[in-house]
C-alpha atoms as a PDB file:
ATOM      1  CA  MET A   1      36.511  52.249  49.201  1.00  0.00           C
ATOM      2  CA  ARG A   2      37.404  51.663  52.811  1.00  0.00           C
ATOM      3  CA  PHE A   3      39.154  54.761  54.059  1.00  0.00           C
ATOM      4  CA  PRO A   4      38.893  55.119  57.838  1.00  0.00           C
ATOM      5  CA  PRO A   5      35.829  57.310  58.509  1.00  0.00           C
ATOM      6  CA  ASP A   6      37.634  59.103  61.327  1.00  0.00           C
ATOM      7  CA  ARG A   7      40.858  59.682  59.397  1.00  0.00           C
ATOM      8  CA  PRO A   8      41.182  63.493  59.658  1.00  0.00           C
ATOM      9  CA  GLY A   9      43.506  64.389  62.522  1.00  0.00           C
ATOM     10  CA  ARG A  10      44.152  60.742  63.362  1.00  0.00           C
ATOM     11  CA  THR A  11      45.952  58.859  60.620  1.00  0.00           C
ATOM     12  CA  GLY A  12      47.478  59.892  57.337  1.00  0.00           C
ATOM     13  CA  VAL A  13      46.717  58.657  53.836  1.00  0.00           C
ATOM     14  CA  ASP A  14      49.524  57.796  51.439  1.00  0.00           C
ATOM     15  CA  ALA A  15      47.786  58.622  48.172  1.00  0.00           C
ATOM     16  CA  HIS A  16      50.446  57.182  45.869  1.00  0.00           C
ATOM     17  CA  HIS A  17      52.606  54.097  46.210  1.00  0.00           C
ATOM     18  CA  HIS A  18      53.448  51.005  44.224  1.00  0.00           C
ATOM     19  CA  LEU A  19      54.209  47.335  44.682  1.00  0.00           C
ATOM     20  CA  TRP A  20      55.966  44.985  42.300  1.00  0.00           C
ATOM     21  CA  ARG A  21      57.303  41.496  42.005  1.00  0.00           C
ATOM     22  CA  THR A  22      60.161  41.323  39.538  1.00  0.00           C
ATOM     23  CA  SER A  23      60.230  37.588  40.141  1.00  0.00           C
ATOM     24  CA  VAL A  24      56.766  37.320  38.580  1.00  0.00           C
ATOM     25  CA  ARG A  25      56.603  40.031  35.911  1.00  0.00           C
ATOM     26  CA  ARG A  26      59.310  41.728  33.844  1.00  0.00           C
ATOM     27  CA  HIS A  27      59.889  45.385  34.684  1.00  0.00           C
ATOM     28  CA  GLU A  28      62.074  46.705  31.893  1.00  0.00           C
ATOM     29  CA  TRP A  29      62.137  50.167  33.433  1.00  0.00           C
ATOM     30  CA  LEU A  30      64.162  48.718  36.313  1.00  0.00           C
ATOM     31  CA  ASP A  31      66.976  47.643  33.993  1.00  0.00           C
ATOM     32  CA  GLY A  32      70.169  49.637  34.245  1.00  0.00           C
ATOM     33  CA  ASP A  33      72.370  51.024  36.987  1.00  0.00           C
ATOM     34  CA  ALA A  34      70.135  54.005  37.828  1.00  0.00           C
ATOM     35  CA  THR A  35      67.415  51.795  39.314  1.00  0.00           C
ATOM     36  CA  ALA A  36      69.537  48.939  40.644  1.00  0.00           C
ATOM     37  CA  ALA A  37      68.802  49.955  44.242  1.00  0.00           C
ATOM     38  CA  ILE A  38      65.097  49.127  43.885  1.00  0.00           C
ATOM     39  CA  ARG A  39      65.386  46.111  41.609  1.00  0.00           C
ATOM     40  CA  ARG A  40      63.763  43.616  43.947  1.00  0.00           C
ATOM     41  CA  ASP A  41      60.299  42.563  45.056  1.00  0.00           C
ATOM     42  CA  TYR A  42      58.245  44.976  47.189  1.00  0.00           C
ATOM     43  CA  THR A  43      55.297  43.412  48.993  1.00  0.00           C
ATOM     44  CA  THR A  44      52.515  44.383  51.357  1.00  0.00           C
ATOM     45  CA  ALA A  45      54.689  43.246  54.258  1.00  0.00           C
ATOM     46  CA  ASP A  46      57.276  45.855  53.246  1.00  0.00           C
ATOM     47  CA  LEU A  47      54.527  48.452  52.894  1.00  0.00           C
ATOM     48  CA  ARG A  48      53.029  47.762  56.317  1.00  0.00           C
ATOM     49  CA  ALA A  49      56.393  48.181  58.001  1.00  0.00           C
ATOM     50  CA  VAL A  50      57.177  51.615  56.550  1.00  0.00           C
ATOM     51  CA  ALA A  51      53.610  52.941  56.652  1.00  0.00           C
ATOM     52  CA  ALA A  52      53.053  52.125  60.311  1.00  0.00           C
ATOM     53  CA  ALA A  53      56.257  53.879  61.317  1.00  0.00           C
ATOM     54  CA  SER A  54      55.075  57.063  59.562  1.00  0.00           C
ATOM     55  CA  GLY A  55      51.531  57.112  60.943  1.00  0.00           C
ATOM     56  CA  ILE A  56      49.847  56.076  57.699  1.00  0.00           C
ATOM     57  CA  GLY A  57      46.488  54.373  58.148  1.00  0.00           C
ATOM     58  CA  ALA A  58      45.359  54.013  54.521  1.00  0.00           C
ATOM     59  CA  THR A  59      46.999  53.954  51.114  1.00  0.00           C
ATOM     60  CA  VAL A  60      46.264  54.098  47.398  1.00  0.00           C
ATOM     61  CA  LEU A  61      48.083  51.472  45.317  1.00  0.00           C
ATOM     62  CA  VAL A  62      48.921  52.743  41.820  1.00  0.00           C
ATOM     63  CA  GLN A  63      49.640  50.733  38.689  1.00  0.00           C
ATOM     64  CA  VAL A  64      53.210  50.349  37.491  1.00  0.00           C
ATOM     65  CA  LEU A  65      52.952  48.591  34.129  1.00  0.00           C
ATOM     66  CA  PRO A  66      50.567  48.991  31.167  1.00  0.00           C
ATOM     67  CA  ASP A  67      49.265  45.522  31.901  1.00  0.00           C
ATOM     68  CA  LEU A  68      45.656  44.686  32.706  1.00  0.00           C
ATOM     69  CA  GLN A  69      46.676  41.530  34.529  1.00  0.00           C
ATOM     70  CA  GLU A  70      48.860  43.527  36.900  1.00  0.00           C
ATOM     71  CA  SER A  71      45.800  45.596  37.818  1.00  0.00           C
ATOM     72  CA  VAL A  72      43.778  42.425  38.396  1.00  0.00           C
ATOM     73  CA  GLU A  73      46.505  41.190  40.736  1.00  0.00           C
ATOM     74  CA  PHE A  74      46.674  44.546  42.541  1.00  0.00           C
ATOM     75  CA  LEU A  75      42.951  44.399  43.253  1.00  0.00           C
ATOM     76  CA  ALA A  76      43.323  40.907  44.712  1.00  0.00           C
ATOM     77  CA  ILE A  77      46.254  42.081  46.831  1.00  0.00           C
ATOM     78  CA  ALA A  78      44.226  45.052  48.083  1.00  0.00           C
ATOM     79  CA  ALA A  79      41.295  42.789  48.959  1.00  0.00           C
ATOM     80  CA  GLY A  80      43.565  40.926  51.346  1.00  0.00           C
ATOM     81  CA  GLU A  81      45.376  43.953  52.772  1.00  0.00           C
ATOM     82  CA  PRO A  82      43.285  46.302  54.973  1.00  0.00           C
ATOM     83  CA  LEU A  83      45.889  49.060  54.707  1.00  0.00           C
ATOM     84  CA  ILE A  84      45.229  49.491  50.975  1.00  0.00           C
ATOM     85  CA  ALA A  85      42.011  51.482  50.643  1.00  0.00           C
ATOM     86  CA  GLY A  86      41.921  51.806  46.870  1.00  0.00           C
ATOM     87  CA  VAL A  87      43.663  50.880  43.620  1.00  0.00           C
ATOM     88  CA  VAL A  88      44.450  53.004  40.583  1.00  0.00           C
ATOM     89  CA  GLY A  89      44.679  50.474  37.780  1.00  0.00           C
ATOM     90  CA  TRP A  90      45.453  50.455  34.068  1.00  0.00           C
ATOM     91  CA  ILE A  91      43.303  49.861  31.007  1.00  0.00           C
ATOM     92  CA  ASP A  92      43.932  50.405  27.318  1.00  0.00           C
ATOM     93  CA  LEU A  93      42.152  53.711  26.801  1.00  0.00           C
ATOM     94  CA  THR A  94      42.399  53.354  23.024  1.00  0.00           C
ATOM     95  CA  GLY A  95      41.238  49.740  22.910  1.00  0.00           C
ATOM     96  CA  SER A  96      38.084  48.452  24.581  1.00  0.00           C
ATOM     97  CA  PRO A  97      37.949  50.548  27.766  1.00  0.00           C
ATOM     98  CA  ALA A  98      34.415  49.550  28.811  1.00  0.00           C
ATOM     99  CA  ARG A  99      35.298  45.867  28.515  1.00  0.00           C
ATOM    100  CA  ASP A 100      38.542  46.305  30.464  1.00  0.00           C
ATOM    101  CA  LEU A 101      36.783  48.269  33.189  1.00  0.00           C
ATOM    102  CA  GLU A 102      34.209  45.533  33.535  1.00  0.00           C
ATOM    103  CA  ARG A 103      37.022  42.981  33.805  1.00  0.00           C
ATOM    104  CA  LEU A 104      38.554  44.914  36.677  1.00  0.00           C
ATOM    105  CA  ARG A 105      35.250  45.629  38.393  1.00  0.00           C
ATOM    106  CA  SER A 106      34.271  41.950  38.286  1.00  0.00           C
ATOM    107  CA  ALA A 107      37.638  40.659  39.533  1.00  0.00           C
ATOM    108  CA  PRO A 108      38.257  39.805  43.209  1.00  0.00           C
ATOM    109  CA  GLY A 109      38.696  43.127  44.983  1.00  0.00           C
ATOM    110  CA  GLY A 110      37.045  44.966  42.093  1.00  0.00           C
ATOM    111  CA  GLU A 111      35.077  47.129  44.518  1.00  0.00           C
ATOM    112  CA  LEU A 112      38.413  48.708  45.487  1.00  0.00           C
ATOM    113  CA  LEU A 113      39.045  50.096  42.003  1.00  0.00           C
ATOM    114  CA  ALA A 114      39.278  53.849  42.536  1.00  0.00           C
ATOM    115  CA  GLY A 115      40.834  55.148  39.347  1.00  0.00           C
ATOM    116  CA  ILE A 116      42.755  54.538  36.140  1.00  0.00           C
ATOM    117  CA  ARG A 117      46.167  55.698  34.970  1.00  0.00           C
ATOM    118  CA  HIS A 118      48.231  55.467  31.793  1.00  0.00           C
ATOM    119  CA  LEU A 119      51.955  56.180  31.530  1.00  0.00           C
ATOM    120  CA  VAL A 120      51.417  59.267  29.397  1.00  0.00           C
ATOM    121  CA  GLN A 121      54.922  60.478  30.261  1.00  0.00           C
ATOM    122  CA  GLY A 122      56.260  57.729  28.001  1.00  0.00           C
ATOM    123  CA  GLU A 123      54.150  58.666  24.981  1.00  0.00           C
ATOM    124  CA  PRO A 124      56.271  60.306  22.244  1.00  0.00           C
ATOM    125  CA  ASP A 125      53.342  62.426  21.024  1.00  0.00           C
ATOM    126  CA  PRO A 126      53.103  65.456  23.346  1.00  0.00           C
ATOM    127  CA  ARG A 127      49.445  65.868  22.351  1.00  0.00           C
ATOM    128  CA  TRP A 128      48.501  62.236  23.021  1.00  0.00           C
ATOM    129  CA  LEU A 129      45.850  63.234  25.558  1.00  0.00           C
ATOM    130  CA  GLU A 130      44.033  65.258  22.890  1.00  0.00           C
ATOM    131  CA  ARG A 131      43.477  62.306  20.544  1.00  0.00           C
ATOM    132  CA  GLU A 132      39.830  61.418  19.925  1.00  0.00           C
ATOM    133  CA  ASP A 133      40.318  57.769  20.858  1.00  0.00           C
ATOM    134  CA  VAL A 134      42.037  58.748  24.110  1.00  0.00           C
ATOM    135  CA  LEU A 135      39.266  61.187  25.003  1.00  0.00           C
ATOM    136  CA  ALA A 136      36.715  58.451  24.315  1.00  0.00           C
ATOM    137  CA  GLY A 137      38.581  56.170  26.700  1.00  0.00           C
ATOM    138  CA  LEU A 138      38.645  58.876  29.348  1.00  0.00           C
ATOM    139  CA  ALA A 139      34.893  59.307  28.893  1.00  0.00           C
ATOM    140  CA  ALA A 140      34.498  55.608  29.705  1.00  0.00           C
ATOM    141  CA  VAL A 141      36.451  56.168  32.923  1.00  0.00           C
ATOM    142  CA  ARG A 142      34.106  59.044  33.753  1.00  0.00           C
ATOM    143  CA  ASP A 143      31.039  56.959  33.006  1.00  0.00           C
ATOM    144  CA  ALA A 144      32.332  54.259  35.354  1.00  0.00           C
ATOM    145  CA  GLY A 145      32.456  56.785  38.216  1.00  0.00           C
ATOM    146  CA  LEU A 146      36.224  56.552  38.560  1.00  0.00           C
ATOM    147  CA  VAL A 147      38.947  59.192  38.640  1.00  0.00           C
ATOM    148  CA  TYR A 148      41.872  59.488  36.256  1.00  0.00           C
ATOM    149  CA  ASP A 149      45.468  59.934  37.383  1.00  0.00           C
ATOM    150  CA  LEU A 150      47.490  62.188  35.065  1.00  0.00           C
ATOM    151  CA  LEU A 151      51.126  61.117  34.767  1.00  0.00           C
ATOM    152  CA  VAL A 152      52.644  63.773  32.522  1.00  0.00           C
ATOM    153  CA  LEU A 153      55.827  65.738  32.026  1.00  0.00           C
ATOM    154  CA  PRO A 154      55.823  69.559  31.914  1.00  0.00           C
ATOM    155  CA  HIS A 155      55.766  69.683  28.099  1.00  0.00           C
ATOM    156  CA  GLN A 156      52.623  67.501  28.117  1.00  0.00           C
ATOM    157  CA  LEU A 157      50.654  69.801  30.425  1.00  0.00           C
ATOM    158  CA  PRO A 158      49.044  71.796  27.554  1.00  0.00           C
ATOM    159  CA  ALA A 159      47.435  68.599  26.220  1.00  0.00           C
ATOM    160  CA  ALA A 160      46.375  67.674  29.754  1.00  0.00           C
ATOM    161  CA  ILE A 161      44.640  71.038  30.055  1.00  0.00           C
ATOM    162  CA  THR A 162      42.743  70.343  26.834  1.00  0.00           C
ATOM    163  CA  ALA A 163      41.634  66.909  28.076  1.00  0.00           C
ATOM    164  CA  VAL A 164      40.549  68.262  31.444  1.00  0.00           C
ATOM    165  CA  ARG A 165      38.443  70.957  29.788  1.00  0.00           C
ATOM    166  CA  ALA A 166      36.888  68.423  27.414  1.00  0.00           C
ATOM    167  CA  LEU A 167      35.706  66.235  30.299  1.00  0.00           C
ATOM    168  CA  PRO A 168      34.541  68.546  33.101  1.00  0.00           C
ATOM    169  CA  GLU A 169      32.650  65.759  34.907  1.00  0.00           C
ATOM    170  CA  LEU A 170      35.757  63.556  35.217  1.00  0.00           C
ATOM    171  CA  THR A 171      38.027  64.173  38.199  1.00  0.00           C
ATOM    172  CA  PHE A 172      41.688  64.268  37.209  1.00  0.00           C
ATOM    173  CA  VAL A 173      44.488  63.726  39.737  1.00  0.00           C
ATOM    174  CA  LEU A 174      47.838  65.188  38.686  1.00  0.00           C
ATOM    175  CA  ASP A 175      50.593  62.843  39.815  1.00  0.00           C
ATOM    176  CA  HIS A 176      53.884  64.258  41.103  1.00  0.00           C
ATOM    177  CA  LEU A 177      52.755  67.835  40.329  1.00  0.00           C
ATOM    178  CA  GLY A 178      53.516  67.177  36.664  1.00  0.00           C
ATOM    179  CA  LYS A 179      57.185  66.456  37.432  1.00  0.00           C
ATOM    180  CA  PRO A 180      58.631  69.962  37.839  1.00  0.00           C
ATOM    181  CA  PRO A 181      62.367  70.479  37.196  1.00  0.00           C
ATOM    182  CA  VAL A 182      63.313  70.535  40.870  1.00  0.00           C
ATOM    183  CA  ALA A 183      66.994  69.857  40.234  1.00  0.00           C
ATOM    184  CA  THR A 184      67.516  72.915  38.031  1.00  0.00           C
ATOM    185  CA  GLY A 185      65.146  75.228  39.896  1.00  0.00           C
ATOM    186  CA  GLN A 186      63.974  76.659  36.550  1.00  0.00           C
ATOM    187  CA  LEU A 187      60.266  76.389  37.264  1.00  0.00           C
ATOM    188  CA  GLN A 188      58.938  78.077  34.133  1.00  0.00           C
ATOM    189  CA  PRO A 189      57.040  77.204  32.028  1.00  0.00           C
ATOM    190  CA  TRP A 190      55.965  74.405  34.404  1.00  0.00           C
ATOM    191  CA  ALA A 191      54.614  76.805  37.042  1.00  0.00           C
ATOM    192  CA  ALA A 192      52.492  78.797  34.582  1.00  0.00           C
ATOM    193  CA  ARG A 193      51.085  75.632  33.040  1.00  0.00           C
ATOM    194  CA  LEU A 194      50.316  74.214  36.486  1.00  0.00           C
ATOM    195  CA  ALA A 195      48.427  77.378  37.399  1.00  0.00           C
ATOM    196  CA  THR A 196      46.381  77.134  34.204  1.00  0.00           C
ATOM    197  CA  LEU A 197      45.557  73.495  34.897  1.00  0.00           C
ATOM    198  CA  ALA A 198      44.592  74.307  38.491  1.00  0.00           C
ATOM    199  CA  ARG A 199      41.994  76.816  37.310  1.00  0.00           C
ATOM    200  CA  GLU A 200      39.914  73.861  36.157  1.00  0.00           C
ATOM    201  CA  PRO A 201      37.809  72.740  39.158  1.00  0.00           C
ATOM    202  CA  ASN A 202      37.894  69.052  38.230  1.00  0.00           C
ATOM    203  CA  VAL A 203      41.631  68.717  38.936  1.00  0.00           C
ATOM    204  CA  VAL A 204      43.448  67.881  42.166  1.00  0.00           C
ATOM    205  CA  ALA A 205      47.144  67.141  42.578  1.00  0.00           C
ATOM    206  CA  LYS A 206      49.618  65.034  44.517  1.00  0.00           C
ATOM    207  CA  LEU A 207      52.594  66.297  46.475  1.00  0.00           C
ATOM    208  CA  SER A 208      54.575  63.244  45.432  1.00  0.00           C
ATOM    209  CA  GLY A 209      57.549  62.202  43.348  1.00  0.00           C
ATOM    210  CA  LEU A 210      59.462  65.434  43.957  1.00  0.00           C
ATOM    211  CA  VAL A 211      62.568  63.950  45.586  1.00  0.00           C
ATOM    212  CA  THR A 212      63.392  61.939  42.483  1.00  0.00           C
ATOM    213  CA  GLU A 213      63.106  65.087  40.358  1.00  0.00           C
ATOM    214  CA  ALA A 214      65.615  66.801  42.676  1.00  0.00           C
ATOM    215  CA  ASP A 215      69.313  66.076  43.116  1.00  0.00           C
ATOM    216  CA  ARG A 216      68.757  62.567  44.406  1.00  0.00           C
ATOM    217  CA  ARG A 217      71.876  62.450  46.563  1.00  0.00           C
ATOM    218  CA  HIS A 218      71.866  65.947  48.022  1.00  0.00           C
ATOM    219  CA  TRP A 219      68.282  67.271  48.052  1.00  0.00           C
ATOM    220  CA  THR A 220      66.937  69.281  50.976  1.00  0.00           C
ATOM    221  CA  VAL A 221      63.446  70.280  52.023  1.00  0.00           C
ATOM    222  CA  ASP A 222      64.176  73.787  50.794  1.00  0.00           C
ATOM    223  CA  ASP A 223      64.855  72.431  47.318  1.00  0.00           C
ATOM    224  CA  LEU A 224      61.271  71.160  47.219  1.00  0.00           C
ATOM    225  CA  ARG A 225      59.696  74.234  48.792  1.00  0.00           C
ATOM    226  CA  PRO A 226      59.257  76.412  45.648  1.00  0.00           C
ATOM    227  CA  CYS A 227      57.316  73.631  43.906  1.00  0.00           C
ATOM    228  CA  VAL A 228      55.093  72.953  46.906  1.00  0.00           C
ATOM    229  CA  GLU A 229      54.430  76.663  47.439  1.00  0.00           C
ATOM    230  CA  THR A 230      53.529  76.996  43.755  1.00  0.00           C
ATOM    231  CA  ALA A 231      51.110  74.084  44.081  1.00  0.00           C
ATOM    232  CA  LEU A 232      49.543  75.468  47.252  1.00  0.00           C
ATOM    233  CA  ALA A 233      48.999  78.828  45.583  1.00  0.00           C
ATOM    234  CA  ALA A 234      47.474  77.178  42.516  1.00  0.00           C
ATOM    235  CA  PHE A 235      45.307  74.458  44.054  1.00  0.00           C
ATOM    236  CA  GLY A 236      44.910  75.298  47.741  1.00  0.00           C
ATOM    237  CA  PRO A 237      45.118  72.658  50.494  1.00  0.00           C
ATOM    238  CA  ASP A 238      41.676  71.198  49.765  1.00  0.00           C
ATOM    239  CA  ARG A 239      42.865  70.045  46.349  1.00  0.00           C
ATOM    240  CA  LEU A 240      46.237  68.611  47.322  1.00  0.00           C
ATOM    241  CA  MET A 241      47.231  65.252  48.795  1.00  0.00           C
ATOM    242  CA  ILE A 242      50.468  63.628  49.940  1.00  0.00           C
ATOM    243  CA  GLY A 243      51.889  60.540  48.259  1.00  0.00           C
ATOM    244  CA  SER A 244      55.155  58.767  48.980  1.00  0.00           C
ATOM    245  CA  ASP A 245      55.817  57.323  45.502  1.00  0.00           C
ATOM    246  CA  TRP A 246      57.384  54.424  47.394  1.00  0.00           C
ATOM    247  CA  PRO A 247      59.370  52.345  46.466  1.00  0.00           C
ATOM    248  CA  VAL A 248      60.506  54.667  43.631  1.00  0.00           C
ATOM    249  CA  CYS A 249      61.281  57.315  46.254  1.00  0.00           C
ATOM    250  CA  LEU A 250      63.971  55.029  47.684  1.00  0.00           C
ATOM    251  CA  LEU A 251      66.216  56.202  44.856  1.00  0.00           C
ATOM    252  CA  ALA A 252      66.427  59.506  46.730  1.00  0.00           C
ATOM    253  CA  GLY A 253      65.216  58.951  50.305  1.00  0.00           C
ATOM    254  CA  THR A 254      63.456  56.639  52.703  1.00  0.00           C
ATOM    255  CA  TYR A 255      59.699  56.448  53.085  1.00  0.00           C
ATOM    256  CA  ALA A 256      59.960  58.256  56.424  1.00  0.00           C
ATOM    257  CA  GLU A 257      62.199  60.994  55.011  1.00  0.00           C
ATOM    258  CA  VAL A 258      59.858  61.681  52.101  1.00  0.00           C
ATOM    259  CA  LEU A 259      56.744  61.932  54.271  1.00  0.00           C
ATOM    260  CA  ALA A 260      58.582  63.994  56.872  1.00  0.00           C
ATOM    261  CA  ALA A 261      59.641  66.444  54.157  1.00  0.00           C
ATOM    262  CA  ALA A 262      56.066  66.754  52.914  1.00  0.00           C
ATOM    263  CA  ASN A 263      54.768  67.346  56.425  1.00  0.00           C
ATOM    264  CA  THR A 264      57.432  69.981  57.054  1.00  0.00           C
ATOM    265  CA  LEU A 265      56.459  71.803  53.873  1.00  0.00           C
ATOM    266  CA  ILE A 266      52.833  72.181  54.993  1.00  0.00           C
ATOM    267  CA  ASP A 267      53.588  73.067  58.613  1.00  0.00           C
ATOM    268  CA  GLY A 268      52.500  76.659  58.050  1.00  0.00           C
ATOM    269  CA  LEU A 269      48.946  75.667  57.186  1.00  0.00           C
ATOM    270  CA  THR A 270      46.078  75.607  59.655  1.00  0.00           C
ATOM    271  CA  PRO A 271      45.266  72.268  61.353  1.00  0.00           C
ATOM    272  CA  ALA A 272      42.233  71.818  59.104  1.00  0.00           C
ATOM    273  CA  GLU A 273      44.297  72.548  55.995  1.00  0.00           C
ATOM    274  CA  CYS A 274      46.987  70.114  57.099  1.00  0.00           C
ATOM    275  CA  ASP A 275      44.335  67.457  57.613  1.00  0.00           C
ATOM    276  CA  ALA A 276      43.123  68.006  54.056  1.00  0.00           C
ATOM    277  CA  VAL A 277      46.578  67.546  52.536  1.00  0.00           C
ATOM    278  CA  ARG A 278      47.519  64.654  54.813  1.00  0.00           C
ATOM    279  CA  GLY A 279      44.437  62.633  54.055  1.00  0.00           C
ATOM    280  CA  GLY A 280      41.159  64.499  53.700  1.00  0.00           C
ATOM    281  CA  THR A 281      41.580  65.292  50.011  1.00  0.00           C
ATOM    282  CA  ALA A 282      42.617  61.730  49.151  1.00  0.00           C
ATOM    283  CA  THR A 283      39.687  60.316  51.092  1.00  0.00           C
ATOM    284  CA  ARG A 284      37.227  62.631  49.329  1.00  0.00           C
ATOM    285  CA  VAL A 285      38.621  62.012  45.851  1.00  0.00           C
ATOM    286  CA  TYR A 286      39.376  58.301  45.960  1.00  0.00           C
ATOM    287  CA  GLY A 287      36.878  57.069  48.522  1.00  0.00           C
ATOM    288  CA  PRO A 288      33.360  58.421  48.029  1.00  0.00           C
ATOM    289  CA  ALA A 289      30.715  56.094  49.457  1.00  0.00           C
ATOM    290  CA  THR A 290      28.945  56.099  46.112  1.00  0.00           C
ATOM    291  CA  ARG A 291      31.671  54.006  44.564  1.00  0.00           C
END
C-alpha cells in the first residue's frame, strides 16, 4: 500500500469509491430510470477533481462487478494513479480462490491489492456467508493477508456475525454500516445486530453509503445522525472510516456534500478521534507495511 505516512491531521482518506466504464463493460445494475443519472463513464480524472476539492489525499478503489477481469483492470488503473492507495477486488470465493488471488497478485499493480469483496447483498440465501464453501474462500483471503469487505443488508447481518466469529484472524470491513433503513428511521433490528457484530474485535466499519439509503432528494445531516451515533457507540472512532461511495452517492448528493456531512457528524469527537475516522483507521486496516 502507499498511504501517505503523514496522513493524520493533513489529508483525508476516502475508504470507499468506485470507477466504471460502461463503454467497455456492461453494468446491468445501471439499467433503468433510477440510475440514469450515473449511467456514464467515471474515470480517474473525474476522481482527482472531486477528491482534491474535498482534501482527500488517498483513496480505496472498490470492485463493482463480480468479474475478475474488472479487478485486474482496477489494479492496473491504481498502479498508474498515485491517488489510489489500494484496491478491494473480487474473486469467486466458492470457486478457486487461491488461484484467483494469485492472478490478482501477479497482475500489474498487484501489490496494491488490499482486500476482497463479494456482492453478498444480492445473494438470495440470507445465510450465504455461513456456507462451508464460502467460509473456505474467506479463509483463503485471510491466508493471503488481505481484508474482506462485507456488503450485506440488515437481514444478512446474523450470517455475517457467524462468519466473523468463524474467522477471528481475518479482518472484516462492514461497508455502508450494513445499509440501515435511514429513510424510515426504524433502526431496529439493524442497530442491535450492528452492536452484536461490533463486539467482535476483527470488524471495522465504513461511514459510507448512507445518503442513498435516506430520502435521496430531501435528506439532511440529521437524518443520518442516528445511524452514525449508533455506529460510534458500537465501534468507537478507532474502528470507523469515512467513504464517499462515489459515484453511487451522486444519486443523492455530490462528493463534497457527502464528505461534508460525514465530517459534520464527527465534529464532536476529539482531534485524534476525528483523525482516526477521517483516515487513520483506513490507513491501518488497508495499508499495513507488511502487505
